[in-house]
Amino acid sequence: MAELIVLQHRDDAPAGLLGAFLAARDGLTVRTVRVDRGELRSLDDATTPAPERIVVLGADASAVGAGSRPWVGEEIALLRRAALRGVPILGICFGAQALATALGGGVHRLDRPQIGWSTVTTSDPQALPAGPWLSWHEDAVSPPPRAVVLAHDEVGVQAFGAGPHLAVQFHPEVTPAIVDGWIGAGGRALGERGDVPPDLRASTAEHAPGAARDALRLFARWLAR
């Protein structure tokens, strides 16, 4: 069976909707690797076959400069090697930033974090609907060379494609329970400097059902790439 690796960085930032979607795929084995627990090195074993695909989730870390955690550079190097081997990668939030860096793009700090539900301008509404999607980040990406910007808003690039790879700055994987946990962390769940909008629980209840349907379309399109 084909193996898909999920790189997870925090207890409260799991694969969520994406995890349930992948678990239901026939012929696909999903293995979660906890980067924050030092498990990344297990993927560098020369005797370990390359995974069929890689998913990189959000993190309370930054890919700006040398990165804000010791493992950031190791993870970016691993993604670079995987891309060179033709392994398709899906990067979500921090994962998008790490993927952009691995492919030769860049990451920069926003003047203020982007937290909340917002729509995007998309070049392909069927593959990547306009949302609303949940944003929860304080860094932004500069796409790598030859990448195609798939979505943007007033803050910056929200999604790009590069060959078989897809990067989204927002969080299609979240469930209301995940968002509620991040709200409980006081806006610092993923390292942010800003405050959580006071109506975020209400807007999550409003937008989450539609976002979940859009997320399934997005995941299916990536698997079909």
Protein backbone atom coordinates (compact mmCIF):
# COMPACT_ATOMS: atom_id res chain seq x y z
CA MET A 1 0.00 0.00 0.00
CA ALA A 2 1.11 3.57 -0.68
CA GLU A 3 2.28 5.46 2.41
CA LEU A 4 1.47 9.10 3.11
CA ILE A 5 3.43 10.92 5.82
CA VAL A 6 1.83 13.65 7.92
CA LEU A 7 4.31 15.96 9.66
CA GLN A 8 2.68 17.23 12.87
CA HIS A 9 4.26 19.79 15.21
CA ARG A 10 1.83 20.25 18.11
CA ASP A 11 -0.73 18.23 20.06
CA ASP A 12 -3.43 20.81 19.29
CA ALA A 13 -2.67 21.10 15.55
CA PRO A 14 -3.63 17.66 14.17
CA ALA A 15 -4.71 16.75 10.64
CA GLY A 16 -8.38 17.15 11.57
CA LEU A 17 -10.65 16.96 8.52
CA LEU A 18 -7.71 16.01 6.34
CA GLY A 19 -6.85 13.10 8.62
CA ALA A 20 -10.38 11.73 8.40
CA PHE A 21 -10.39 12.19 4.62
CA LEU A 22 -7.10 10.35 4.18
CA ALA A 23 -8.10 7.53 6.52
CA ALA A 24 -11.04 6.78 4.24
CA ARG A 25 -8.90 6.42 1.10
CA ASP A 26 -8.48 2.85 -0.12
CA GLY A 27 -4.92 1.73 -0.79
CA LEU A 28 -3.36 4.47 1.34
CA THR A 29 -1.55 4.07 4.64
CA VAL A 30 -1.20 7.25 6.71
CA ARG A 31 1.64 7.67 9.22
CA THR A 32 1.91 10.69 11.49
CA VAL A 33 5.45 11.84 12.32
CA ARG A 34 5.75 14.15 15.35
CA VAL A 35 8.48 16.58 14.38
CA ASP A 36 8.38 18.25 17.79
CA ARG A 37 9.25 14.91 19.43
CA GLY A 38 12.34 14.28 17.33
CA GLU A 39 10.72 11.76 15.01
CA LEU A 40 11.77 13.57 11.83
CA ARG A 41 15.10 11.75 11.74
CA SER A 42 13.28 8.45 11.19
CA LEU A 43 12.49 9.60 7.66
CA ASP A 44 16.19 10.00 6.81
CA ASP A 45 16.95 6.31 7.21
CA ALA A 46 18.50 5.23 3.91
CA THR A 47 16.67 1.90 4.15
CA THR A 48 13.24 3.59 4.41
CA PRO A 49 11.36 3.87 1.09
CA ALA A 50 10.23 7.34 0.06
CA PRO A 51 6.59 8.02 0.97
CA GLU A 52 3.99 8.39 -1.75
CA ARG A 53 3.08 11.87 -0.48
CA ILE A 54 3.83 14.25 2.39
CA VAL A 55 1.52 16.61 4.30
CA VAL A 56 3.04 19.37 6.47
CA LEU A 57 0.73 20.86 9.11
CA GLY A 58 0.80 24.12 11.05
CA ALA A 59 3.23 24.88 13.86
CA ASP A 60 4.08 27.40 16.55
CA ALA A 61 7.29 28.07 14.65
CA SER A 62 8.55 30.44 11.98
CA ALA A 63 10.48 29.64 8.83
CA VAL A 64 11.81 33.21 8.60
CA GLY A 65 15.61 33.28 8.53
CA ALA A 66 17.05 30.23 10.23
CA GLY A 67 13.69 29.36 11.75
CA SER A 68 12.45 29.65 15.32
CA ARG A 69 12.94 25.97 16.30
CA PRO A 70 16.00 23.73 15.90
CA TRP A 71 14.05 21.30 13.71
CA VAL A 72 12.84 23.91 11.18
CA GLY A 73 16.00 23.74 9.08
CA GLU A 74 15.97 19.94 9.21
CA GLU A 75 12.37 19.82 8.04
CA ILE A 76 12.96 22.25 5.17
CA ALA A 77 15.96 20.18 4.05
CA LEU A 78 13.86 17.01 4.15
CA LEU A 79 11.13 18.65 2.06
CA ARG A 80 13.75 19.80 -0.46
CA ARG A 81 15.07 16.25 -0.82
CA ALA A 82 11.55 14.85 -1.12
CA ALA A 83 10.65 17.37 -3.83
CA LEU A 84 13.78 16.46 -5.77
CA ARG A 85 12.64 12.82 -5.63
CA GLY A 86 9.24 13.84 -7.03
CA VAL A 87 7.23 13.27 -3.83
CA PRO A 88 4.09 15.48 -3.92
CA ILE A 89 3.80 17.74 -0.86
CA LEU A 90 0.82 19.55 0.65
CA GLY A 91 1.85 22.40 2.95
CA ILE A 92 -0.67 24.00 5.32
CA CYS A 93 0.15 27.35 7.00
CA PHE A 94 3.64 26.75 8.46
CA GLY A 95 3.79 23.85 6.03
CA ALA A 96 3.21 26.27 3.16
CA GLN A 97 6.04 28.47 4.44
CA ALA A 98 8.41 25.53 4.85
CA LEU A 99 7.53 24.25 1.37
CA ALA A 100 8.05 27.69 -0.19
CA THR A 101 11.49 27.91 1.42
CA ALA A 102 12.41 24.37 0.36
CA LEU A 103 11.54 25.15 -3.26
CA GLY A 104 13.52 28.40 -3.39
CA GLY A 105 10.88 30.92 -2.30
CA GLY A 106 10.82 32.96 0.88
CA VAL A 107 8.95 33.81 4.06
CA HIS A 108 8.47 37.21 5.66
CA ARG A 109 6.89 38.58 8.80
CA LEU A 110 3.51 40.28 8.57
CA ASP A 111 3.01 43.65 10.25
CA ARG A 112 0.23 42.00 12.26
CA PRO A 113 -1.06 38.42 12.42
CA GLN A 114 -4.01 37.34 10.29
CA ILE A 115 -6.50 35.50 12.48
CA GLY A 116 -10.09 34.81 11.49
CA TRP A 117 -12.34 33.72 8.64
CA SER A 118 -11.90 35.42 5.28
CA THR A 119 -12.46 34.84 1.58
CA VAL A 120 -9.71 34.71 -1.03
CA THR A 121 -9.49 35.62 -4.68
CA THR A 122 -8.91 32.31 -6.44
CA SER A 123 -7.80 31.50 -9.98
CA ASP A 124 -9.63 28.14 -9.94
CA PRO A 125 -12.82 28.16 -7.82
CA GLN A 126 -13.55 24.52 -8.63
CA ALA A 127 -10.24 23.23 -7.28
CA LEU A 128 -9.72 25.91 -4.65
CA PRO A 129 -12.97 27.61 -3.57
CA ALA A 130 -12.93 31.20 -2.34
CA GLY A 131 -13.97 30.25 1.19
CA PRO A 132 -14.36 31.67 3.77
CA TRP A 133 -11.28 29.87 5.12
CA LEU A 134 -9.74 30.13 8.57
CA SER A 135 -6.46 32.05 8.68
CA TRP A 136 -4.19 31.87 11.73
CA HIS A 137 -0.66 32.97 10.94
CA GLU A 138 1.87 35.76 11.41
CA ASP A 139 4.20 34.98 8.49
CA ALA A 140 3.55 35.12 4.75
CA VAL A 141 5.12 33.43 1.74
CA SER A 142 6.87 34.62 -1.37
CA PRO A 143 6.23 31.79 -3.87
CA PRO A 144 9.19 29.88 -5.30
CA PRO A 145 10.31 30.37 -8.92
CA ARG A 146 7.89 29.00 -11.53
CA ALA A 147 5.17 28.51 -8.93
CA VAL A 148 1.62 29.52 -9.84
CA VAL A 149 -0.29 31.73 -7.40
CA LEU A 150 -3.68 30.08 -6.95
CA ALA A 151 -5.22 32.42 -4.37
CA HIS A 152 -4.52 35.73 -2.68
CA ASP A 153 -6.16 38.39 -0.56
CA GLU A 154 -5.26 41.84 0.73
CA VAL A 155 -2.67 40.32 3.08
CA GLY A 156 -0.76 38.42 0.40
CA VAL A 157 -0.46 35.02 -1.29
CA GLN A 158 -2.85 32.48 0.20
CA ALA A 159 -2.11 29.48 -2.03
CA PHE A 160 0.33 28.42 -4.70
CA GLY A 161 1.01 25.36 -6.81
CA ALA A 162 4.39 24.12 -7.99
CA GLY A 163 4.24 20.97 -10.09
CA PRO A 164 2.67 18.25 -7.90
CA HIS A 165 2.96 20.42 -4.77
CA LEU A 166 0.25 22.57 -3.19
CA ALA A 167 0.66 25.18 -0.46
CA VAL A 168 -2.19 26.92 1.36
CA GLN A 169 -1.64 29.64 3.93
CA PHE A 170 -5.07 29.08 5.51
CA HIS A 171 -6.30 26.03 7.46
CA PRO A 172 -8.67 23.76 5.48
CA GLU A 173 -8.10 20.97 8.00
CA VAL A 174 -9.62 22.63 11.07
CA THR A 175 -12.73 21.50 12.90
CA PRO A 176 -14.67 23.66 15.37
CA ALA A 177 -13.02 21.69 18.19
CA ILE A 178 -9.54 22.52 16.90
CA VAL A 179 -10.41 26.20 16.55
CA ASP A 180 -11.92 26.22 20.04
CA GLY A 181 -8.65 24.85 21.43
CA TRP A 182 -6.66 27.57 19.68
CA ILE A 183 -9.01 30.23 21.01
CA GLY A 184 -8.46 28.83 24.49
CA ALA A 185 -4.73 29.33 24.03
CA GLY A 186 -5.37 33.06 23.85
CA GLY A 187 -4.18 33.65 20.30
CA ARG A 188 -0.79 32.10 20.90
CA ALA A 189 -1.68 28.59 19.77
CA LEU A 190 0.54 28.87 16.72
CA GLY A 191 2.91 31.56 17.93
CA GLU A 192 0.88 34.63 17.03
CA ARG A 193 1.47 38.08 18.47
CA GLY A 194 -2.12 39.25 18.01
CA ASP A 195 -5.45 38.90 19.74
CA VAL A 196 -8.21 36.50 18.79
CA PRO A 197 -11.28 38.23 17.30
CA PRO A 198 -14.02 38.22 19.96
CA ASP A 199 -16.58 36.75 17.54
CA LEU A 200 -14.37 33.91 16.33
CA ARG A 201 -16.40 31.13 17.96
CA ALA A 202 -19.60 32.48 16.40
CA SER A 203 -18.03 32.92 12.96
CA THR A 204 -16.55 29.42 13.19
CA ALA A 205 -19.99 27.95 13.88
CA GLU A 206 -21.28 29.86 10.85
CA HIS A 207 -18.53 29.06 8.36
CA ALA A 208 -17.17 25.64 9.41
CA PRO A 209 -19.81 23.47 7.64
CA GLY A 210 -19.26 25.14 4.27
CA ALA A 211 -15.49 25.21 4.74
CA ALA A 212 -15.51 21.46 5.47
CA ARG A 213 -17.25 20.76 2.16
CA ASP A 214 -14.78 23.00 0.30
CA ALA A 215 -11.86 21.35 2.11
CA LEU A 216 -12.86 17.90 0.87
CA ARG A 217 -12.82 19.21 -2.70
CA LEU A 218 -9.40 20.75 -2.13
CA PHE A 219 -7.96 17.54 -0.64
CA ALA A 220 -9.38 15.40 -3.45
CA ARG A 221 -7.90 17.68 -6.12
CA TRP A 222 -4.47 17.50 -4.47
CA LEU A 223 -4.57 13.70 -4.35
CA ALA A 224 -5.51 13.69 -8.02
CA ARG A 225 -2.63 15.97 -9.06
